Amino acid sequence: MTAASSGPGFSTTVEALRLRKWPLGPGQATLVMDQFATDDFNLVVDDRADVHVNSKDGRFYLGWFPFGRPGTDCEGWKIAITGTAKVRGYQMSFDTETPADIVAAAVARVLETSPLV
């Protein structure tokens, strides 16, 4: 009995190599912003036309910087969750060219995993 040897490289199928249409370009920011109810979140548009959303309790922040966040290298979206005394918070950043659909999915997941108390 002989064992098949595995050669260098990788193995795949024709189906796995089919072309896909990947989302590109910033898309519509309203896909992200429409997720925030004014009862629970504050929205501010500043003099640069950047949009800032924060929760009423101040622990959630979303910034949209269509022309890039000042002092960064093309950061277009910033999501930050403030931690507690016992658990650290976290943050995410997305490029100015990240499709709004992708950012909206991340925001939706953050919101659906944060139940009201």
N, C-alpha and C. Protein backbone atom coordinates (compact mmCIF):
# COMPACT_ATOMS: atom_id res chain seq x y z
N MET A 1 0.84 -1.17 0.00
CA MET A 1 0.00 0.00 0.00
C MET A 1 0.90 1.24 0.00
N THR A 2 0.60 2.18 -0.86
CA THR A 2 1.38 3.41 -0.92
C THR A 2 0.49 4.60 -0.59
N ALA A 3 1.09 5.56 0.00
CA ALA A 3 0.36 6.78 0.35
C ALA A 3 0.62 7.83 -0.73
N ALA A 4 -0.43 8.58 -1.06
CA ALA A 4 -0.28 9.65 -2.05
C ALA A 4 0.54 10.77 -1.43
N SER A 5 1.52 11.22 -2.16
CA SER A 5 2.32 12.32 -1.64
C SER A 5 1.67 13.66 -2.00
N SER A 6 1.82 14.58 -1.11
CA SER A 6 1.28 15.91 -1.41
C SER A 6 2.42 16.77 -1.94
N GLY A 7 2.20 17.31 -3.11
CA GLY A 7 3.23 18.12 -3.74
C GLY A 7 3.15 19.57 -3.29
N PRO A 8 4.06 20.37 -3.75
CA PRO A 8 4.03 21.80 -3.39
C PRO A 8 2.84 22.51 -4.02
N GLY A 9 2.48 23.64 -3.48
CA GLY A 9 1.38 24.43 -4.04
C GLY A 9 0.08 24.18 -3.31
N PHE A 10 -1.03 24.42 -4.00
CA PHE A 10 -2.33 24.21 -3.38
C PHE A 10 -3.25 23.51 -4.35
N SER A 11 -4.31 22.98 -3.81
CA SER A 11 -5.30 22.28 -4.61
C SER A 11 -6.59 23.07 -4.60
N THR A 12 -7.24 23.16 -5.74
CA THR A 12 -8.50 23.91 -5.81
C THR A 12 -9.37 23.30 -6.91
N THR A 13 -10.52 23.89 -7.09
CA THR A 13 -11.44 23.44 -8.14
C THR A 13 -11.68 24.59 -9.11
N VAL A 14 -12.21 24.26 -10.28
CA VAL A 14 -12.54 25.29 -11.26
C VAL A 14 -13.59 26.24 -10.67
N GLU A 15 -14.57 25.69 -9.93
CA GLU A 15 -15.62 26.53 -9.34
C GLU A 15 -15.04 27.57 -8.39
N ALA A 16 -14.02 27.19 -7.65
CA ALA A 16 -13.42 28.12 -6.69
C ALA A 16 -12.68 29.26 -7.39
N LEU A 17 -12.31 29.05 -8.65
CA LEU A 17 -11.55 30.07 -9.38
C LEU A 17 -12.42 30.98 -10.24
N ARG A 18 -13.73 30.80 -10.19
CA ARG A 18 -14.62 31.66 -10.98
C ARG A 18 -14.45 33.11 -10.56
N LEU A 19 -14.63 33.98 -11.51
CA LEU A 19 -14.52 35.41 -11.21
C LEU A 19 -15.71 35.86 -10.38
N ARG A 20 -15.47 36.83 -9.53
CA ARG A 20 -16.50 37.44 -8.72
C ARG A 20 -16.53 38.93 -8.99
N LYS A 21 -17.62 39.54 -8.69
CA LYS A 21 -17.72 40.99 -8.74
C LYS A 21 -17.64 41.49 -7.30
N TRP A 22 -16.50 42.06 -6.94
CA TRP A 22 -16.28 42.53 -5.58
C TRP A 22 -16.75 43.97 -5.45
N PRO A 23 -17.38 44.32 -4.33
CA PRO A 23 -17.82 45.71 -4.15
C PRO A 23 -16.61 46.64 -4.03
N LEU A 24 -16.61 47.69 -4.81
CA LEU A 24 -15.53 48.68 -4.78
C LEU A 24 -16.13 50.07 -4.76
N GLY A 25 -15.39 51.02 -4.24
CA GLY A 25 -15.86 52.40 -4.17
C GLY A 25 -16.65 52.64 -2.90
N PRO A 26 -16.72 53.88 -2.47
CA PRO A 26 -17.31 54.18 -1.17
C PRO A 26 -18.80 53.93 -1.06
N GLY A 27 -19.54 53.97 -2.14
CA GLY A 27 -20.98 53.71 -2.06
C GLY A 27 -21.75 54.82 -1.36
N GLN A 28 -22.90 54.48 -0.82
CA GLN A 28 -23.80 55.45 -0.20
C GLN A 28 -23.69 55.40 1.33
N ALA A 29 -23.21 56.46 1.92
CA ALA A 29 -23.05 56.51 3.38
C ALA A 29 -24.38 56.38 4.11
N THR A 30 -25.48 56.69 3.43
CA THR A 30 -26.79 56.57 4.08
C THR A 30 -27.08 55.13 4.51
N LEU A 31 -26.46 54.14 3.87
CA LEU A 31 -26.62 52.76 4.29
C LEU A 31 -26.15 52.56 5.73
N VAL A 32 -25.15 53.34 6.12
CA VAL A 32 -24.64 53.28 7.49
C VAL A 32 -25.47 54.19 8.39
N MET A 33 -25.65 55.42 7.98
CA MET A 33 -26.30 56.42 8.85
C MET A 33 -27.77 56.13 9.14
N ASP A 34 -28.45 55.48 8.23
CA ASP A 34 -29.87 55.19 8.43
C ASP A 34 -30.13 54.18 9.54
N GLN A 35 -29.09 53.59 10.09
CA GLN A 35 -29.25 52.61 11.16
C GLN A 35 -29.41 53.24 12.54
N PHE A 36 -29.25 54.55 12.62
CA PHE A 36 -29.25 55.21 13.93
C PHE A 36 -30.54 55.98 14.16
N ALA A 37 -31.26 55.60 15.20
CA ALA A 37 -32.49 56.29 15.58
C ALA A 37 -32.15 57.50 16.44
N THR A 38 -32.83 58.60 16.20
CA THR A 38 -32.54 59.83 16.96
C THR A 38 -32.89 59.69 18.44
N ASP A 39 -33.70 58.72 18.79
CA ASP A 39 -34.01 58.50 20.20
C ASP A 39 -32.81 57.99 20.97
N ASP A 40 -31.93 57.25 20.29
CA ASP A 40 -30.80 56.62 20.97
C ASP A 40 -29.44 57.22 20.62
N PHE A 41 -29.38 58.01 19.54
CA PHE A 41 -28.08 58.51 19.07
C PHE A 41 -28.15 59.99 18.71
N ASN A 42 -27.02 60.66 18.87
CA ASN A 42 -26.87 62.06 18.45
C ASN A 42 -26.07 62.08 17.17
N LEU A 43 -26.42 62.97 16.25
CA LEU A 43 -25.72 63.11 14.99
C LEU A 43 -25.30 64.56 14.82
N VAL A 44 -24.03 64.76 14.49
CA VAL A 44 -23.49 66.11 14.29
C VAL A 44 -22.72 66.12 12.98
N VAL A 45 -22.96 67.15 12.17
CA VAL A 45 -22.17 67.37 10.96
C VAL A 45 -21.32 68.60 11.24
N ASP A 46 -20.01 68.45 11.11
CA ASP A 46 -19.13 69.57 11.44
C ASP A 46 -18.85 70.45 10.22
N ASP A 47 -17.98 71.45 10.39
CA ASP A 47 -17.70 72.41 9.32
C ASP A 47 -16.91 71.83 8.15
N ARG A 48 -16.35 70.63 8.30
CA ARG A 48 -15.67 69.95 7.19
C ARG A 48 -16.60 69.00 6.46
N ALA A 49 -17.85 68.91 6.90
CA ALA A 49 -18.85 67.96 6.39
C ALA A 49 -18.58 66.54 6.86
N ASP A 50 -17.78 66.38 7.90
CA ASP A 50 -17.61 65.08 8.54
C ASP A 50 -18.83 64.84 9.42
N VAL A 51 -19.23 63.60 9.54
CA VAL A 51 -20.41 63.25 10.31
C VAL A 51 -19.99 62.45 11.53
N HIS A 52 -20.53 62.82 12.69
CA HIS A 52 -20.21 62.15 13.94
C HIS A 52 -21.51 61.66 14.58
N VAL A 53 -21.53 60.40 14.97
CA VAL A 53 -22.69 59.81 15.63
C VAL A 53 -22.21 59.25 16.96
N ASN A 54 -22.93 59.56 18.02
CA ASN A 54 -22.60 58.93 19.29
C ASN A 54 -23.87 58.54 20.02
N SER A 55 -23.74 57.50 20.82
CA SER A 55 -24.89 57.04 21.59
C SER A 55 -25.16 58.03 22.71
N LYS A 56 -26.38 58.04 23.19
CA LYS A 56 -26.78 58.97 24.26
C LYS A 56 -25.94 58.74 25.51
N ASP A 57 -25.51 57.49 25.74
CA ASP A 57 -24.67 57.22 26.92
C ASP A 57 -23.20 57.54 26.67
N GLY A 58 -22.84 57.88 25.42
CA GLY A 58 -21.48 58.29 25.10
C GLY A 58 -20.49 57.16 24.90
N ARG A 59 -20.92 55.92 24.93
CA ARG A 59 -19.98 54.80 24.82
C ARG A 59 -19.75 54.34 23.39
N PHE A 60 -20.65 54.69 22.47
CA PHE A 60 -20.50 54.33 21.06
C PHE A 60 -20.19 55.59 20.26
N TYR A 61 -19.24 55.50 19.35
CA TYR A 61 -18.92 56.62 18.46
C TYR A 61 -18.70 56.08 17.06
N LEU A 62 -19.26 56.78 16.09
CA LEU A 62 -19.00 56.51 14.68
C LEU A 62 -18.66 57.84 14.02
N GLY A 63 -17.56 57.89 13.31
CA GLY A 63 -17.21 59.07 12.54
C GLY A 63 -17.09 58.71 11.07
N TRP A 64 -17.67 59.53 10.23
CA TRP A 64 -17.53 59.37 8.78
C TRP A 64 -16.78 60.58 8.25
N PHE A 65 -15.67 60.35 7.60
CA PHE A 65 -14.79 61.39 7.10
C PHE A 65 -14.64 61.20 5.59
N PRO A 66 -15.54 61.76 4.79
CA PRO A 66 -15.54 61.51 3.35
C PRO A 66 -14.23 61.87 2.65
N PHE A 67 -13.50 62.84 3.18
CA PHE A 67 -12.24 63.26 2.56
C PHE A 67 -11.04 62.82 3.38
N GLY A 68 -11.25 61.90 4.30
CA GLY A 68 -10.18 61.39 5.16
C GLY A 68 -10.15 62.11 6.50
N ARG A 69 -9.94 61.33 7.53
CA ARG A 69 -9.86 61.89 8.88
C ARG A 69 -8.55 62.65 9.03
N PRO A 70 -8.61 63.88 9.53
CA PRO A 70 -7.38 64.67 9.69
C PRO A 70 -6.34 63.92 10.54
N GLY A 71 -5.11 63.96 10.08
CA GLY A 71 -4.02 63.32 10.80
C GLY A 71 -3.88 61.83 10.56
N THR A 72 -4.67 61.28 9.63
CA THR A 72 -4.55 59.86 9.32
C THR A 72 -4.28 59.68 7.83
N ASP A 73 -4.01 58.45 7.45
CA ASP A 73 -3.75 58.14 6.05
C ASP A 73 -5.01 57.55 5.43
N CYS A 74 -5.94 58.40 4.99
CA CYS A 74 -7.17 58.00 4.30
C CYS A 74 -8.15 57.23 5.17
N GLU A 75 -8.16 57.47 6.47
CA GLU A 75 -9.17 56.83 7.31
C GLU A 75 -10.51 57.51 7.04
N GLY A 76 -11.49 56.73 6.59
CA GLY A 76 -12.78 57.28 6.22
C GLY A 76 -13.86 57.03 7.24
N TRP A 77 -13.75 55.96 8.00
CA TRP A 77 -14.74 55.58 9.00
C TRP A 77 -14.01 55.20 10.28
N LYS A 78 -14.57 55.59 11.40
CA LYS A 78 -14.01 55.22 12.70
C LYS A 78 -15.16 54.79 13.59
N ILE A 79 -15.09 53.61 14.14
CA ILE A 79 -16.06 53.11 15.10
C ILE A 79 -15.30 52.86 16.39
N ALA A 80 -15.80 53.37 17.49
CA ALA A 80 -15.14 53.17 18.78
C ALA A 80 -16.19 52.89 19.85
N ILE A 81 -15.91 51.89 20.66
CA ILE A 81 -16.75 51.53 21.78
C ILE A 81 -15.92 51.71 23.04
N THR A 82 -16.38 52.54 23.95
CA THR A 82 -15.68 52.78 25.21
C THR A 82 -15.89 51.59 26.13
N GLY A 83 -14.83 51.15 26.77
CA GLY A 83 -14.91 50.01 27.68
C GLY A 83 -15.47 50.41 29.03
N THR A 84 -15.35 49.49 29.95
CA THR A 84 -15.80 49.71 31.33
C THR A 84 -14.58 49.68 32.24
N ALA A 85 -14.82 49.76 33.52
CA ALA A 85 -13.72 49.70 34.48
C ALA A 85 -13.02 48.34 34.43
N LYS A 86 -13.74 47.31 33.99
CA LYS A 86 -13.17 45.96 34.01
C LYS A 86 -12.84 45.40 32.63
N VAL A 87 -13.46 45.94 31.58
CA VAL A 87 -13.25 45.40 30.24
C VAL A 87 -12.87 46.53 29.29
N ARG A 88 -11.79 46.32 28.55
CA ARG A 88 -11.33 47.33 27.59
C ARG A 88 -12.32 47.50 26.45
N GLY A 89 -12.38 48.69 25.91
CA GLY A 89 -13.18 48.95 24.72
C GLY A 89 -12.42 48.53 23.47
N TYR A 90 -12.96 48.88 22.32
CA TYR A 90 -12.31 48.53 21.06
C TYR A 90 -12.67 49.56 20.01
N GLN A 91 -11.95 49.51 18.90
CA GLN A 91 -12.21 50.42 17.80
C GLN A 91 -11.90 49.75 16.47
N MET A 92 -12.55 50.25 15.44
CA MET A 92 -12.33 49.77 14.08
C MET A 92 -12.19 50.98 13.17
N SER A 93 -11.40 50.84 12.14
CA SER A 93 -11.26 51.90 11.14
C SER A 93 -11.39 51.31 9.76
N PHE A 94 -11.96 52.10 8.85
CA PHE A 94 -12.10 51.69 7.46
C PHE A 94 -11.60 52.83 6.58
N ASP A 95 -11.03 52.49 5.47
CA ASP A 95 -10.50 53.44 4.50
C ASP A 95 -11.63 54.25 3.87
N THR A 96 -11.30 55.39 3.27
CA THR A 96 -12.31 56.21 2.60
C THR A 96 -12.96 55.49 1.44
N GLU A 97 -12.28 54.51 0.85
CA GLU A 97 -12.82 53.77 -0.29
C GLU A 97 -13.50 52.46 0.10
N THR A 98 -13.59 52.18 1.39
CA THR A 98 -14.29 50.97 1.82
C THR A 98 -15.77 51.13 1.49
N PRO A 99 -16.37 50.17 0.81
CA PRO A 99 -17.79 50.30 0.46
C PRO A 99 -18.66 50.47 1.70
N ALA A 100 -19.61 51.39 1.62
CA ALA A 100 -20.52 51.65 2.73
C ALA A 100 -21.28 50.39 3.13
N ASP A 101 -21.54 49.50 2.18
CA ASP A 101 -22.21 48.23 2.51
C ASP A 101 -21.43 47.44 3.56
N ILE A 102 -20.12 47.44 3.45
CA ILE A 102 -19.27 46.70 4.37
C ILE A 102 -19.29 47.36 5.74
N VAL A 103 -19.16 48.68 5.77
CA VAL A 103 -19.21 49.42 7.04
C VAL A 103 -20.59 49.24 7.68
N ALA A 104 -21.64 49.30 6.87
CA ALA A 104 -23.01 49.14 7.39
C ALA A 104 -23.17 47.76 8.03
N ALA A 105 -22.57 46.74 7.45
CA ALA A 105 -22.67 45.40 8.02
C ALA A 105 -21.95 45.34 9.37
N ALA A 106 -20.79 45.98 9.48
CA ALA A 106 -20.06 46.01 10.75
C ALA A 106 -20.87 46.76 11.81
N VAL A 107 -21.42 47.91 11.43
CA VAL A 107 -22.23 48.70 12.36
C VAL A 107 -23.47 47.91 12.80
N ALA A 108 -24.13 47.27 11.85
CA ALA A 108 -25.33 46.48 12.18
C ALA A 108 -24.99 45.40 13.19
N ARG A 109 -23.85 44.76 13.01
CA ARG A 109 -23.47 43.69 13.95
C ARG A 109 -23.17 44.26 15.34
N VAL A 110 -22.51 45.39 15.40
CA VAL A 110 -22.23 46.02 16.70
C VAL A 110 -23.55 46.37 17.39
N LEU A 111 -24.47 46.97 16.63
CA LEU A 111 -25.75 47.39 17.22
C LEU A 111 -26.59 46.19 17.66
N GLU A 112 -26.60 45.13 16.88
CA GLU A 112 -27.44 43.98 17.26
C GLU A 112 -26.86 43.18 18.40
N THR A 113 -25.59 43.37 18.71
CA THR A 113 -24.98 42.67 19.85
C THR A 113 -24.92 43.56 21.09
N SER A 114 -25.60 44.70 21.04
CA SER A 114 -25.60 45.60 22.20
C SER A 114 -27.05 45.86 22.64
N PRO A 115 -27.63 44.92 23.36
CA PRO A 115 -29.03 45.07 23.78
C PRO A 115 -29.20 46.22 24.76
N LEU A 116 -30.39 46.78 24.76
CA LEU A 116 -30.71 47.82 25.74
C LEU A 116 -30.76 47.21 27.12
N VAL A 117 -30.31 47.97 28.11
CA VAL A 117 -30.35 47.48 29.50
C VAL A 117 -31.34 48.25 30.33
